[in-house]
Amino acid sequence: MAFMPIETDDLFEDGDTAVCVPVADEETGEIRLLSERCSTCIFRPGNPFRATMPGRIRSMVAVAVADEGHVTCHSTLPGSAPAGVEPAICRGFADTYGGRSLALRLGDVLGLVREVPPPS
């Protein structure tokens, strides 16, 4: 059975352009979720991103929660991730707000959540 890719509700900015990236495998429909928080997770206490972009992080999380979406791990985004790493849902977001994410709820029910290691 083929599934349509699920796109993130996590929008990152490239100038004024919002971009969505798929966090689901196009062939299987499996939703990629980091197995643990990346070393620079925005949800880690004391993370430098919290000090430099507090309003941006709050806004991104608020939009994701309001839309039943999710946040894609910044370490897995195209242009930031090492070669071969595919976009995945942020583990910190999933641990904190996962019950509000439609992709994670559906993925759990359908057995389609696949945990992947964070990029090194």
PDB file of N, CA and C in Angstrom:
ATOM      1  N   MET A   1       0.846  -1.168   0.000  1.00  0.00           N
ATOM      2  CA  MET A   1       0.000   0.000   0.000  1.00  0.00           C
ATOM      3  C   MET A   1       0.898   1.240   0.000  1.00  0.00           C
ATOM      4  N   ALA A   2       0.671   2.177  -0.900  1.00  0.00           N
ATOM      5  CA  ALA A   2       1.461   3.402  -0.978  1.00  0.00           C
ATOM      6  C   ALA A   2       0.768   4.515  -0.205  1.00  0.00           C
ATOM      7  N   PHE A   3       1.556   5.309   0.477  1.00  0.00           N
ATOM      8  CA  PHE A   3       1.036   6.439   1.236  1.00  0.00           C
ATOM      9  C   PHE A   3       1.609   7.719   0.673  1.00  0.00           C
ATOM     10  N   MET A   4       0.831   8.770   0.761  1.00  0.00           N
ATOM     11  CA  MET A   4       1.324  10.087   0.360  1.00  0.00           C
ATOM     12  C   MET A   4       2.299  10.563   1.423  1.00  0.00           C
ATOM     13  N   PRO A   5       3.373  11.233   1.034  1.00  0.00           N
ATOM     14  CA  PRO A   5       4.306  11.727   2.038  1.00  0.00           C
ATOM     15  C   PRO A   5       3.641  12.772   2.929  1.00  0.00           C
ATOM     16  N   ILE A   6       3.947  12.724   4.198  1.00  0.00           N
ATOM     17  CA  ILE A   6       3.438  13.727   5.137  1.00  0.00           C
ATOM     18  C   ILE A   6       4.476  14.822   5.208  1.00  0.00           C
ATOM     19  N   GLU A   7       4.037  16.043   5.035  1.00  0.00           N
ATOM     20  CA  GLU A   7       4.967  17.153   5.108  1.00  0.00           C
ATOM     21  C   GLU A   7       4.896  17.775   6.485  1.00  0.00           C
ATOM     22  N   THR A   8       5.981  18.390   6.884  1.00  0.00           N
ATOM     23  CA  THR A   8       6.033  18.980   8.207  1.00  0.00           C
ATOM     24  C   THR A   8       5.193  20.231   8.256  1.00  0.00           C
ATOM     25  N   ASP A   9       4.768  20.565   9.417  1.00  0.00           N
ATOM     26  CA  ASP A   9       4.154  21.860   9.658  1.00  0.00           C
ATOM     27  C   ASP A   9       5.196  22.793  10.241  1.00  0.00           C
ATOM     28  N   ASP A  10       6.402  22.315  10.305  1.00  0.00           N
ATOM     29  CA  ASP A  10       7.517  23.127  10.760  1.00  0.00           C
ATOM     30  C   ASP A  10       8.010  23.938   9.573  1.00  0.00           C
ATOM     31  N   LEU A  11       7.876  25.206   9.638  1.00  0.00           N
ATOM     32  CA  LEU A  11       8.331  26.074   8.556  1.00  0.00           C
ATOM     33  C   LEU A  11       9.644  26.707   8.959  1.00  0.00           C
ATOM     34  N   PHE A  12      10.613  26.630   8.097  1.00  0.00           N
ATOM     35  CA  PHE A  12      11.840  27.350   8.361  1.00  0.00           C
ATOM     36  C   PHE A  12      11.970  28.415   7.302  1.00  0.00           C
ATOM     37  N   GLU A  13      12.708  29.438   7.611  1.00  0.00           N
ATOM     38  CA  GLU A  13      12.736  30.587   6.720  1.00  0.00           C
ATOM     39  C   GLU A  13      13.999  30.634   5.892  1.00  0.00           C
ATOM     40  N   ASP A  14      13.842  30.908   4.634  1.00  0.00           N
ATOM     41  CA  ASP A  14      14.931  31.165   3.712  1.00  0.00           C
ATOM     42  C   ASP A  14      14.593  32.527   3.126  1.00  0.00           C
ATOM     43  N   GLY A  15      15.011  33.578   3.832  1.00  0.00           N
ATOM     44  CA  GLY A  15      14.522  34.908   3.510  1.00  0.00           C
ATOM     45  C   GLY A  15      13.088  34.975   3.985  1.00  0.00           C
ATOM     46  N   ASP A  16      12.164  35.271   3.101  1.00  0.00           N
ATOM     47  CA  ASP A  16      10.750  35.312   3.458  1.00  0.00           C
ATOM     48  C   ASP A  16       9.991  34.085   2.958  1.00  0.00           C
ATOM     49  N   THR A  17      10.707  33.110   2.407  1.00  0.00           N
ATOM     50  CA  THR A  17      10.062  31.957   1.812  1.00  0.00           C
ATOM     51  C   THR A  17       9.941  30.825   2.827  1.00  0.00           C
ATOM     52  N   ALA A  18       8.731  30.353   3.063  1.00  0.00           N
ATOM     53  CA  ALA A  18       8.518  29.210   3.945  1.00  0.00           C
ATOM     54  C   ALA A  18       8.654  27.928   3.133  1.00  0.00           C
ATOM     55  N   VAL A  19       9.295  26.932   3.719  1.00  0.00           N
ATOM     56  CA  VAL A  19       9.548  25.685   3.023  1.00  0.00           C
ATOM     57  C   VAL A  19       9.104  24.522   3.907  1.00  0.00           C
ATOM     58  N   CYS A  20       8.457  23.529   3.308  1.00  0.00           N
ATOM     59  CA  CYS A  20       8.073  22.304   4.014  1.00  0.00           C
ATOM     60  C   CYS A  20       8.916  21.163   3.471  1.00  0.00           C
ATOM     61  N   VAL A  21       9.322  20.275   4.348  1.00  0.00           N
ATOM     62  CA  VAL A  21      10.087  19.108   3.925  1.00  0.00           C
ATOM     63  C   VAL A  21       9.372  17.846   4.399  1.00  0.00           C
ATOM     64  N   PRO A  22       9.375  16.793   3.597  1.00  0.00           N
ATOM     65  CA  PRO A  22       8.696  15.556   4.006  1.00  0.00           C
ATOM     66  C   PRO A  22       9.466  14.827   5.104  1.00  0.00           C
ATOM     67  N   VAL A  23       8.735  14.299   6.081  1.00  0.00           N
ATOM     68  CA  VAL A  23       9.333  13.494   7.147  1.00  0.00           C
ATOM     69  C   VAL A  23       8.849  12.055   7.053  1.00  0.00           C
ATOM     70  N   ALA A  24       8.186  11.720   5.953  1.00  0.00           N
ATOM     71  CA  ALA A  24       7.697  10.364   5.738  1.00  0.00           C
ATOM     72  C   ALA A  24       8.335   9.777   4.492  1.00  0.00           C
ATOM     73  N   ASP A  25       8.593   8.493   4.544  1.00  0.00           N
ATOM     74  CA  ASP A  25       9.141   7.783   3.404  1.00  0.00           C
ATOM     75  C   ASP A  25       8.073   7.699   2.313  1.00  0.00           C
ATOM     76  N   GLU A  26       8.416   8.122   1.128  1.00  0.00           N
ATOM     77  CA  GLU A  26       7.466   8.156   0.020  1.00  0.00           C
ATOM     78  C   GLU A  26       6.943   6.765  -0.349  1.00  0.00           C
ATOM     79  N   GLU A  27       7.775   5.764  -0.234  1.00  0.00           N
ATOM     80  CA  GLU A  27       7.403   4.395  -0.613  1.00  0.00           C
ATOM     81  C   GLU A  27       6.545   3.703   0.442  1.00  0.00           C
ATOM     82  N   THR A  28       6.943   3.824   1.717  1.00  0.00           N
ATOM     83  CA  THR A  28       6.296   3.044   2.780  1.00  0.00           C
ATOM     84  C   THR A  28       5.317   3.837   3.635  1.00  0.00           C
ATOM     85  N   GLY A  29       5.443   5.166   3.618  1.00  0.00           N
ATOM     86  CA  GLY A  29       4.615   6.000   4.478  1.00  0.00           C
ATOM     87  C   GLY A  29       5.147   6.093   5.900  1.00  0.00           C
ATOM     88  N   GLU A  30       6.269   5.416   6.186  1.00  0.00           N
ATOM     89  CA  GLU A  30       6.836   5.479   7.538  1.00  0.00           C
ATOM     90  C   GLU A  30       7.260   6.906   7.874  1.00  0.00           C
ATOM     91  N   ILE A  31       6.930   7.327   9.085  1.00  0.00           N
ATOM     92  CA  ILE A  31       7.243   8.671   9.551  1.00  0.00           C
ATOM     93  C   ILE A  31       8.526   8.609  10.363  1.00  0.00           C
ATOM     94  N   ARG A  32       9.520   9.385   9.942  1.00  0.00           N
ATOM     95  CA  ARG A  32      10.806   9.389  10.627  1.00  0.00           C
ATOM     96  C   ARG A  32      10.746  10.270  11.874  1.00  0.00           C
ATOM     97  N   LEU A  33      11.185   9.708  12.986  1.00  0.00           N
ATOM     98  CA  LEU A  33      11.254  10.396  14.276  1.00  0.00           C
ATOM     99  C   LEU A  33      12.632  10.116  14.850  1.00  0.00           C
ATOM    100  N   LEU A  34      13.333  11.150  15.294  1.00  0.00           N
ATOM    101  CA  LEU A  34      14.640  10.897  15.888  1.00  0.00           C
ATOM    102  C   LEU A  34      14.493  10.008  17.116  1.00  0.00           C
ATOM    103  N   SER A  35      15.391   9.072  17.290  1.00  0.00           N
ATOM    104  CA  SER A  35      15.356   8.135  18.419  1.00  0.00           C
ATOM    105  C   SER A  35      15.763   8.815  19.720  1.00  0.00           C
ATOM    106  N   GLU A  36      16.486   9.916  19.608  1.00  0.00           N
ATOM    107  CA  GLU A  36      16.883  10.725  20.769  1.00  0.00           C
ATOM    108  C   GLU A  36      17.124  12.147  20.288  1.00  0.00           C
ATOM    109  N   ARG A  37      17.233  13.052  21.234  1.00  0.00           N
ATOM    110  CA  ARG A  37      17.466  14.458  20.861  1.00  0.00           C
ATOM    111  C   ARG A  37      18.852  14.614  20.250  1.00  0.00           C
ATOM    112  N   CYS A  38      18.938  15.453  19.234  1.00  0.00           N
ATOM    113  CA  CYS A  38      20.243  15.737  18.642  1.00  0.00           C
ATOM    114  C   CYS A  38      21.070  16.553  19.646  1.00  0.00           C
ATOM    115  N   SER A  39      22.348  16.666  19.410  1.00  0.00           N
ATOM    116  CA  SER A  39      23.230  17.341  20.370  1.00  0.00           C
ATOM    117  C   SER A  39      22.921  18.830  20.514  1.00  0.00           C
ATOM    118  N   THR A  40      22.261  19.415  19.528  1.00  0.00           N
ATOM    119  CA  THR A  40      21.926  20.839  19.599  1.00  0.00           C
ATOM    120  C   THR A  40      20.416  21.061  19.599  1.00  0.00           C
ATOM    121  N   CYS A  41      19.676  20.114  20.150  1.00  0.00           N
ATOM    122  CA  CYS A  41      18.213  20.197  20.159  1.00  0.00           C
ATOM    123  C   CYS A  41      17.735  21.493  20.814  1.00  0.00           C
ATOM    124  N   ILE A  42      16.786  22.148  20.171  1.00  0.00           N
ATOM    125  CA  ILE A  42      16.241  23.399  20.706  1.00  0.00           C
ATOM    126  C   ILE A  42      15.457  23.171  21.985  1.00  0.00           C
ATOM    127  N   PHE A  43      15.167  21.924  22.320  1.00  0.00           N
ATOM    128  CA  PHE A  43      14.439  21.608  23.549  1.00  0.00           C
ATOM    129  C   PHE A  43      15.366  21.216  24.694  1.00  0.00           C
ATOM    130  N   ARG A  44      16.670  21.194  24.472  1.00  0.00           N
ATOM    131  CA  ARG A  44      17.622  20.896  25.553  1.00  0.00           C
ATOM    132  C   ARG A  44      17.767  22.125  26.439  1.00  0.00           C
ATOM    133  N   PRO A  45      17.779  21.931  27.764  1.00  0.00           N
ATOM    134  CA  PRO A  45      18.023  23.071  28.659  1.00  0.00           C
ATOM    135  C   PRO A  45      19.385  23.699  28.350  1.00  0.00           C
ATOM    136  N   GLY A  46      19.405  25.008  28.330  1.00  0.00           N
ATOM    137  CA  GLY A  46      20.657  25.726  28.104  1.00  0.00           C
ATOM    138  C   GLY A  46      21.128  25.750  26.662  1.00  0.00           C
ATOM    139  N   ASN A  47      20.314  25.248  25.737  1.00  0.00           N
ATOM    140  CA  ASN A  47      20.727  25.246  24.343  1.00  0.00           C
ATOM    141  C   ASN A  47      20.884  26.679  23.843  1.00  0.00           C
ATOM    142  N   PRO A  48      21.981  26.982  23.140  1.00  0.00           N
ATOM    143  CA  PRO A  48      22.214  28.352  22.671  1.00  0.00           C
ATOM    144  C   PRO A  48      21.120  28.900  21.756  1.00  0.00           C
ATOM    145  N   PHE A  49      20.422  28.040  21.038  1.00  0.00           N
ATOM    146  CA  PHE A  49      19.346  28.525  20.177  1.00  0.00           C
ATOM    147  C   PHE A  49      18.255  29.213  20.996  1.00  0.00           C
ATOM    148  N   ARG A  50      18.025  28.736  22.209  1.00  0.00           N
ATOM    149  CA  ARG A  50      16.985  29.333  23.060  1.00  0.00           C
ATOM    150  C   ARG A  50      17.321  30.782  23.410  1.00  0.00           C
ATOM    151  N   ALA A  51      18.597  31.085  23.530  1.00  0.00           N
ATOM    152  CA  ALA A  51      19.011  32.449  23.868  1.00  0.00           C
ATOM    153  C   ALA A  51      19.023  33.356  22.647  1.00  0.00           C
ATOM    154  N   THR A  52      19.389  32.810  21.499  1.00  0.00           N
ATOM    155  CA  THR A  52      19.528  33.649  20.308  1.00  0.00           C
ATOM    156  C   THR A  52      18.245  33.790  19.504  1.00  0.00           C
ATOM    157  N   MET A  53      17.311  32.816  19.646  1.00  0.00           N
ATOM    158  CA  MET A  53      16.077  32.854  18.865  1.00  0.00           C
ATOM    159  C   MET A  53      14.850  32.492  19.703  1.00  0.00           C
ATOM    160  N   PRO A  54      14.704  33.043  20.906  1.00  0.00           N
ATOM    161  CA  PRO A  54      13.586  32.591  21.751  1.00  0.00           C
ATOM    162  C   PRO A  54      12.219  32.846  21.130  1.00  0.00           C
ATOM    163  N   GLY A  55      12.007  33.991  20.512  1.00  0.00           N
ATOM    164  CA  GLY A  55      10.717  34.297  19.896  1.00  0.00           C
ATOM    165  C   GLY A  55      10.434  33.402  18.710  1.00  0.00           C
ATOM    166  N   ARG A  56      11.444  33.121  17.916  1.00  0.00           N
ATOM    167  CA  ARG A  56      11.291  32.264  16.735  1.00  0.00           C
ATOM    168  C   ARG A  56      10.921  30.841  17.157  1.00  0.00           C
ATOM    169  N   ILE A  57      11.569  30.331  18.175  1.00  0.00           N
ATOM    170  CA  ILE A  57      11.284  28.975  18.650  1.00  0.00           C
ATOM    171  C   ILE A  57       9.876  28.907  19.225  1.00  0.00           C
ATOM    172  N   ARG A  58       9.514  29.869  20.061  1.00  0.00           N
ATOM    173  CA  ARG A  58       8.154  29.890  20.636  1.00  0.00           C
ATOM    174  C   ARG A  58       7.104  29.937  19.539  1.00  0.00           C
ATOM    175  N   SER A  59       7.329  30.776  18.538  1.00  0.00           N
ATOM    176  CA  SER A  59       6.384  30.922  17.434  1.00  0.00           C
ATOM    177  C   SER A  59       6.273  29.630  16.627  1.00  0.00           C
ATOM    178  N   MET A  60       7.405  29.022  16.316  1.00  0.00           N
ATOM    179  CA  MET A  60       7.418  27.788  15.535  1.00  0.00           C
ATOM    180  C   MET A  60       6.673  26.677  16.271  1.00  0.00           C
ATOM    181  N   VAL A  61       6.908  26.557  17.569  1.00  0.00           N
ATOM    182  CA  VAL A  61       6.237  25.534  18.367  1.00  0.00           C
ATOM    183  C   VAL A  61       4.745  25.834  18.472  1.00  0.00           C
ATOM    184  N   ALA A  62       4.387  27.093  18.686  1.00  0.00           N
ATOM    185  CA  ALA A  62       2.979  27.471  18.808  1.00  0.00           C
ATOM    186  C   ALA A  62       2.209  27.145  17.528  1.00  0.00           C
ATOM    187  N   VAL A  63       2.799  27.442  16.381  1.00  0.00           N
ATOM    188  CA  VAL A  63       2.148  27.143  15.097  1.00  0.00           C
ATOM    189  C   VAL A  63       2.007  25.639  14.924  1.00  0.00           C
ATOM    190  N   ALA A  64       3.058  24.897  15.217  1.00  0.00           N
ATOM    191  CA  ALA A  64       3.010  23.436  15.067  1.00  0.00           C
ATOM    192  C   ALA A  64       1.933  22.832  15.959  1.00  0.00           C
ATOM    193  N   VAL A  65       1.853  23.266  17.207  1.00  0.00           N
ATOM    194  CA  VAL A  65       0.856  22.736  18.139  1.00  0.00           C
ATOM    195  C   VAL A  65      -0.551  23.125  17.693  1.00  0.00           C
ATOM    196  N   ALA A  66      -0.746  24.377  17.312  1.00  0.00           N
ATOM    197  CA  ALA A  66      -2.074  24.847  16.893  1.00  0.00           C
ATOM    198  C   ALA A  66      -2.569  24.103  15.647  1.00  0.00           C
ATOM    199  N   ASP A  67      -1.645  23.736  14.764  1.00  0.00           N
ATOM    200  CA  ASP A  67      -2.014  23.059  13.517  1.00  0.00           C
ATOM    201  C   ASP A  67      -1.952  21.530  13.621  1.00  0.00           C
ATOM    202  N   GLU A  68      -1.737  21.007  14.828  1.00  0.00           N
ATOM    203  CA  GLU A  68      -1.544  19.567  15.035  1.00  0.00           C
ATOM    204  C   GLU A  68      -0.389  19.051  14.185  1.00  0.00           C
ATOM    205  N   GLY A  69       0.611  19.897  14.018  1.00  0.00           N
ATOM    206  CA  GLY A  69       1.775  19.552  13.207  1.00  0.00           C
ATOM    207  C   GLY A  69       2.925  19.065  14.057  1.00  0.00           C
ATOM    208  N   HIS A  70       4.119  19.386  13.636  1.00  0.00           N
ATOM    209  CA  HIS A  70       5.319  18.979  14.343  1.00  0.00           C
ATOM    210  C   HIS A  70       6.474  19.869  13.921  1.00  0.00           C
ATOM    211  N   VAL A  71       7.585  19.714  14.605  1.00  0.00           N
ATOM    212  CA  VAL A  71       8.808  20.442  14.290  1.00  0.00           C
ATOM    213  C   VAL A  71       9.795  19.429  13.731  1.00  0.00           C
ATOM    214  N   THR A  72      10.398  19.771  12.628  1.00  0.00           N
ATOM    215  CA  THR A  72      11.433  18.927  12.049  1.00  0.00           C
ATOM    216  C   THR A  72      12.762  19.286  12.700  1.00  0.00           C
ATOM    217  N   CYS A  73      13.542  18.270  13.048  1.00  0.00           N
ATOM    218  CA  CYS A  73      14.858  18.522  13.649  1.00  0.00           C
ATOM    219  C   CYS A  73      15.701  19.346  12.695  1.00  0.00           C
ATOM    220  N   HIS A  74      16.242  20.451  13.194  1.00  0.00           N
ATOM    221  CA  HIS A  74      17.057  21.333  12.354  1.00  0.00           C
ATOM    222  C   HIS A  74      18.308  20.624  11.836  1.00  0.00           C
ATOM    223  N   SER A  75      18.782  19.616  12.554  1.00  0.00           N
ATOM    224  CA  SER A  75      19.976  18.875  12.126  1.00  0.00           C
ATOM    225  C   SER A  75      19.692  17.928  10.973  1.00  0.00           C
ATOM    226  N   THR A  76      18.401  17.753  10.638  1.00  0.00           N
ATOM    227  CA  THR A  76      18.043  16.852   9.531  1.00  0.00           C
ATOM    228  C   THR A  76      17.506  17.607   8.321  1.00  0.00           C
ATOM    229  N   LEU A  77      17.487  18.929   8.393  1.00  0.00           N
ATOM    230  CA  LEU A  77      16.966  19.726   7.276  1.00  0.00           C
ATOM    231  C   LEU A  77      17.939  19.738   6.099  1.00  0.00           C
ATOM    232  N   PRO A  78      17.407  19.698   4.882  1.00  0.00           N
ATOM    233  CA  PRO A  78      18.277  19.793   3.704  1.00  0.00           C
ATOM    234  C   PRO A  78      19.135  21.058   3.793  1.00  0.00           C
ATOM    235  N   GLY A  79      20.389  20.903   3.460  1.00  0.00           N
ATOM    236  CA  GLY A  79      21.322  22.030   3.541  1.00  0.00           C
ATOM    237  C   GLY A  79      22.044  22.084   4.869  1.00  0.00           C
ATOM    238  N   SER A  80      21.493  21.465   5.899  1.00  0.00           N
ATOM    239  CA  SER A  80      22.129  21.415   7.215  1.00  0.00           C
ATOM    240  C   SER A  80      22.582  20.006   7.561  1.00  0.00           C
ATOM    241  N   ALA A  81      21.856  19.022   7.059  1.00  0.00           N
ATOM    242  CA  ALA A  81      22.123  17.619   7.400  1.00  0.00           C
ATOM    243  C   ALA A  81      23.287  17.063   6.595  1.00  0.00           C
ATOM    244  N   PRO A  82      24.016  16.127   7.198  1.00  0.00           N
ATOM    245  CA  PRO A  82      25.052  15.428   6.428  1.00  0.00           C
ATOM    246  C   PRO A  82      24.425  14.633   5.282  1.00  0.00           C
ATOM    247  N   ALA A  83      25.212  14.315   4.297  1.00  0.00           N
ATOM    248  CA  ALA A  83      24.728  13.539   3.146  1.00  0.00           C
ATOM    249  C   ALA A  83      24.078  12.245   3.622  1.00  0.00           C
ATOM    250  N   GLY A  84      22.933  11.928   3.019  1.00  0.00           N
ATOM    251  CA  GLY A  84      22.235  10.685   3.328  1.00  0.00           C
ATOM    252  C   GLY A  84      21.262  10.761   4.489  1.00  0.00           C
ATOM    253  N   VAL A  85      21.255  11.879   5.221  1.00  0.00           N
ATOM    254  CA  VAL A  85      20.333  12.037   6.354  1.00  0.00           C
ATOM    255  C   VAL A  85      19.030  12.631   5.835  1.00  0.00           C
ATOM    256  N   GLU A  86      17.921  11.975   6.159  1.00  0.00           N
ATOM    257  CA  GLU A  86      16.617  12.453   5.716  1.00  0.00           C
ATOM    258  C   GLU A  86      15.925  13.219   6.846  1.00  0.00           C
ATOM    259  N   PRO A  87      15.078  14.181   6.508  1.00  0.00           N
ATOM    260  CA  PRO A  87      14.363  14.944   7.530  1.00  0.00           C
ATOM    261  C   PRO A  87      13.565  14.037   8.467  1.00  0.00           C
ATOM    262  N   ALA A  88      13.560  14.400   9.746  1.00  0.00           N
ATOM    263  CA  ALA A  88      12.853  13.620  10.763  1.00  0.00           C
ATOM    264  C   ALA A  88      12.250  14.568  11.792  1.00  0.00           C
ATOM    265  N   ILE A  89      11.213  14.107  12.453  1.00  0.00           N
ATOM    266  CA  ILE A  89      10.577  14.899  13.506  1.00  0.00           C
ATOM    267  C   ILE A  89      11.533  15.014  14.682  1.00  0.00           C
ATOM    268  N   CYS A  90      11.605  16.209  15.227  1.00  0.00           N
ATOM    269  CA  CYS A  90      12.453  16.510  16.381  1.00  0.00           C
ATOM    270  C   CYS A  90      12.018  15.678  17.595  1.00  0.00           C
ATOM    271  N   ARG A  91      12.960  15.003  18.232  1.00  0.00           N
ATOM    272  CA  ARG A  91      12.643  14.185  19.405  1.00  0.00           C
ATOM    273  C   ARG A  91      12.211  15.054  20.580  1.00  0.00           C
ATOM    274  N   GLY A  92      12.830  16.199  20.740  1.00  0.00           N
ATOM    275  CA  GLY A  92      12.439  17.099  21.824  1.00  0.00           C
ATOM    276  C   GLY A  92      10.998  17.551  21.677  1.00  0.00           C
ATOM    277  N   PHE A  93      10.592  17.860  20.447  1.00  0.00           N
ATOM    278  CA  PHE A  93       9.204  18.237  20.202  1.00  0.00           C
ATOM    279  C   PHE A  93       8.286  17.053  20.485  1.00  0.00           C
ATOM    280  N   ALA A  94       8.645  15.879  19.994  1.00  0.00           N
ATOM    281  CA  ALA A  94       7.809  14.686  20.193  1.00  0.00           C
ATOM    282  C   ALA A  94       7.656  14.359  21.674  1.00  0.00           C
ATOM    283  N   ASP A  95       8.729  14.472  22.436  1.00  0.00           N
ATOM    284  CA  ASP A  95       8.669  14.176  23.871  1.00  0.00           C
ATOM    285  C   ASP A  95       7.784  15.174  24.615  1.00  0.00           C
ATOM    286  N   THR A  96       7.769  16.408  24.150  1.00  0.00           N
ATOM    287  CA  THR A  96       7.025  17.462  24.836  1.00  0.00           C
ATOM    288  C   THR A  96       5.601  17.624  24.321  1.00  0.00           C
ATOM    289  N   TYR A  97       5.429  17.572  23.002  1.00  0.00           N
ATOM    290  CA  TYR A  97       4.135  17.873  22.383  1.00  0.00           C
ATOM    291  C   TYR A  97       3.619  16.767  21.466  1.00  0.00           C
ATOM    292  N   GLY A  98       4.231  15.607  21.470  1.00  0.00           N
ATOM    293  CA  GLY A  98       3.908  14.547  20.516  1.00  0.00           C
ATOM    294  C   GLY A  98       2.444  14.159  20.445  1.00  0.00           C
ATOM    295  N   GLY A  99       1.748  14.223  21.572  1.00  0.00           N
ATOM    296  CA  GLY A  99       0.331  13.871  21.581  1.00  0.00           C
ATOM    297  C   GLY A  99      -0.526  14.837  20.796  1.00  0.00           C
ATOM    298  N   ARG A 100       0.031  15.980  20.457  1.00  0.00           N
ATOM    299  CA  ARG A 100      -0.717  16.982  19.691  1.00  0.00           C
ATOM    300  C   ARG A 100      -0.393  16.923  18.203  1.00  0.00           C
ATOM    301  N   SER A 101       0.526  16.062  17.813  1.00  0.00           N
ATOM    302  CA  SER A 101       0.940  15.954  16.409  1.00  0.00           C
ATOM    303  C   SER A 101       0.111  14.904  15.694  1.00  0.00           C
ATOM    304  N   LEU A 102      -0.605  15.323  14.671  1.00  0.00           N
ATOM    305  CA  LEU A 102      -1.428  14.399  13.898  1.00  0.00           C
ATOM    306  C   LEU A 102      -0.567  13.308  13.253  1.00  0.00           C
ATOM    307  N   ALA A 103       0.576  13.674  12.695  1.00  0.00           N
ATOM    308  CA  ALA A 103       1.453  12.689  12.053  1.00  0.00           C
ATOM    309  C   ALA A 103       1.888  11.622  13.050  1.00  0.00           C
ATOM    310  N   LEU A 104       2.261  12.038  14.260  1.00  0.00           N
ATOM    311  CA  LEU A 104       2.702  11.055  15.256  1.00  0.00           C
ATOM    312  C   LEU A 104       1.544  10.210  15.773  1.00  0.00           C
ATOM    313  N   ARG A 105       0.392  10.819  15.972  1.00  0.00           N
ATOM    314  CA  ARG A 105      -0.768  10.045  16.443  1.00  0.00           C
ATOM    315  C   ARG A 105      -1.180   9.004  15.401  1.00  0.00           C
ATOM    316  N   LEU A 106      -1.297   9.436  14.145  1.00  0.00           N
ATOM    317  CA  LEU A 106      -1.659   8.497  13.081  1.00  0.00           C
ATOM    318  C   LEU A 106      -0.575   7.439  12.879  1.00  0.00           C
ATOM    319  N   GLY A 107       0.663   7.895  12.901  1.00  0.00           N
ATOM    320  CA  GLY A 107       1.772   6.957  12.744  1.00  0.00           C
ATOM    321  C   GLY A 107       1.785   5.897  13.826  1.00  0.00           C
ATOM    322  N   ASP A 108       1.490   6.294  15.060  1.00  0.00           N
ATOM    323  CA  ASP A 108       1.426   5.326  16.164  1.00  0.00           C
ATOM    324  C   ASP A 108       0.315   4.313  15.928  1.00  0.00           C
ATOM    325  N   VAL A 109      -0.867   4.799  15.581  1.00  0.00           N
ATOM    326  CA  VAL A 109      -2.021   3.919  15.366  1.00  0.00           C
ATOM    327  C   VAL A 109      -1.755   2.941  14.220  1.00  0.00           C
ATOM    328  N   LEU A 110      -1.124   3.429  13.158  1.00  0.00           N
ATOM    329  CA  LEU A 110      -0.887   2.599  11.978  1.00  0.00           C
ATOM    330  C   LEU A 110       0.438   1.832  12.036  1.00  0.00           C
ATOM    331  N   GLY A 111       1.199   2.038  13.096  1.00  0.00           N
ATOM    332  CA  GLY A 111       2.493   1.365  13.211  1.00  0.00           C
ATOM    333  C   GLY A 111       3.504   1.850  12.190  1.00  0.00           C
ATOM    334  N   LEU A 112       3.438   3.143  11.857  1.00  0.00           N
ATOM    335  CA  LEU A 112       4.305   3.689  10.817  1.00  0.00           C
ATOM    336  C   LEU A 112       5.382   4.643  11.326  1.00  0.00           C
ATOM    337  N   VAL A 113       5.557   4.738  12.634  1.00  0.00           N
ATOM    338  CA  VAL A 113       6.620   5.602  13.152  1.00  0.00           C
ATOM    339  C   VAL A 113       7.914   4.792  13.159  1.00  0.00           C
ATOM    340  N   ARG A 114       8.940   5.336  12.504  1.00  0.00           N
ATOM    341  CA  ARG A 114      10.253   4.671  12.472  1.00  0.00           C
ATOM    342  C   ARG A 114      11.273   5.600  13.123  1.00  0.00           C
ATOM    343  N   GLU A 115      11.848   5.121  14.225  1.00  0.00           N
ATOM    344  CA  GLU A 115      12.866   5.918  14.904  1.00  0.00           C
ATOM    345  C   GLU A 115      14.193   5.800  14.168  1.00  0.00           C
ATOM    346  N   VAL A 116      14.824   6.957  13.987  1.00  0.00           N
ATOM    347  CA  VAL A 116      16.126   7.023  13.299  1.00  0.00           C
ATOM    348  C   VAL A 116      17.096   7.762  14.208  1.00  0.00           C
ATOM    349  N   PRO A 117      18.380   7.393  14.144  1.00  0.00           N
ATOM    350  CA  PRO A 117      19.353   8.081  15.004  1.00  0.00           C
ATOM    351  C   PRO A 117      19.585   9.508  14.533  1.00  0.00           C
ATOM    352  N   PRO A 118      19.902  10.393  15.482  1.00  0.00           N
ATOM    353  CA  PRO A 118      20.222  11.761  15.067  1.00  0.00           C
ATOM    354  C   PRO A 118      21.536  11.789  14.295  1.00  0.00           C
ATOM    355  N   PRO A 119      21.709  12.775  13.434  1.00  0.00           N
ATOM    356  CA  PRO A 119      22.978  12.877  12.708  1.00  0.00           C
ATOM    357  C   PRO A 119      24.130  13.100  13.685  1.00  0.00           C
ATOM    358  N   SER A 120      25.286  12.581  13.336  1.00  0.00           N
ATOM    359  CA  SER A 120      26.433  12.774  14.228  1.00  0.00           C
ATOM    360  C   SER A 120      27.234  13.976  13.819  1.00  0.00           C
TER     361      SER A 120
END
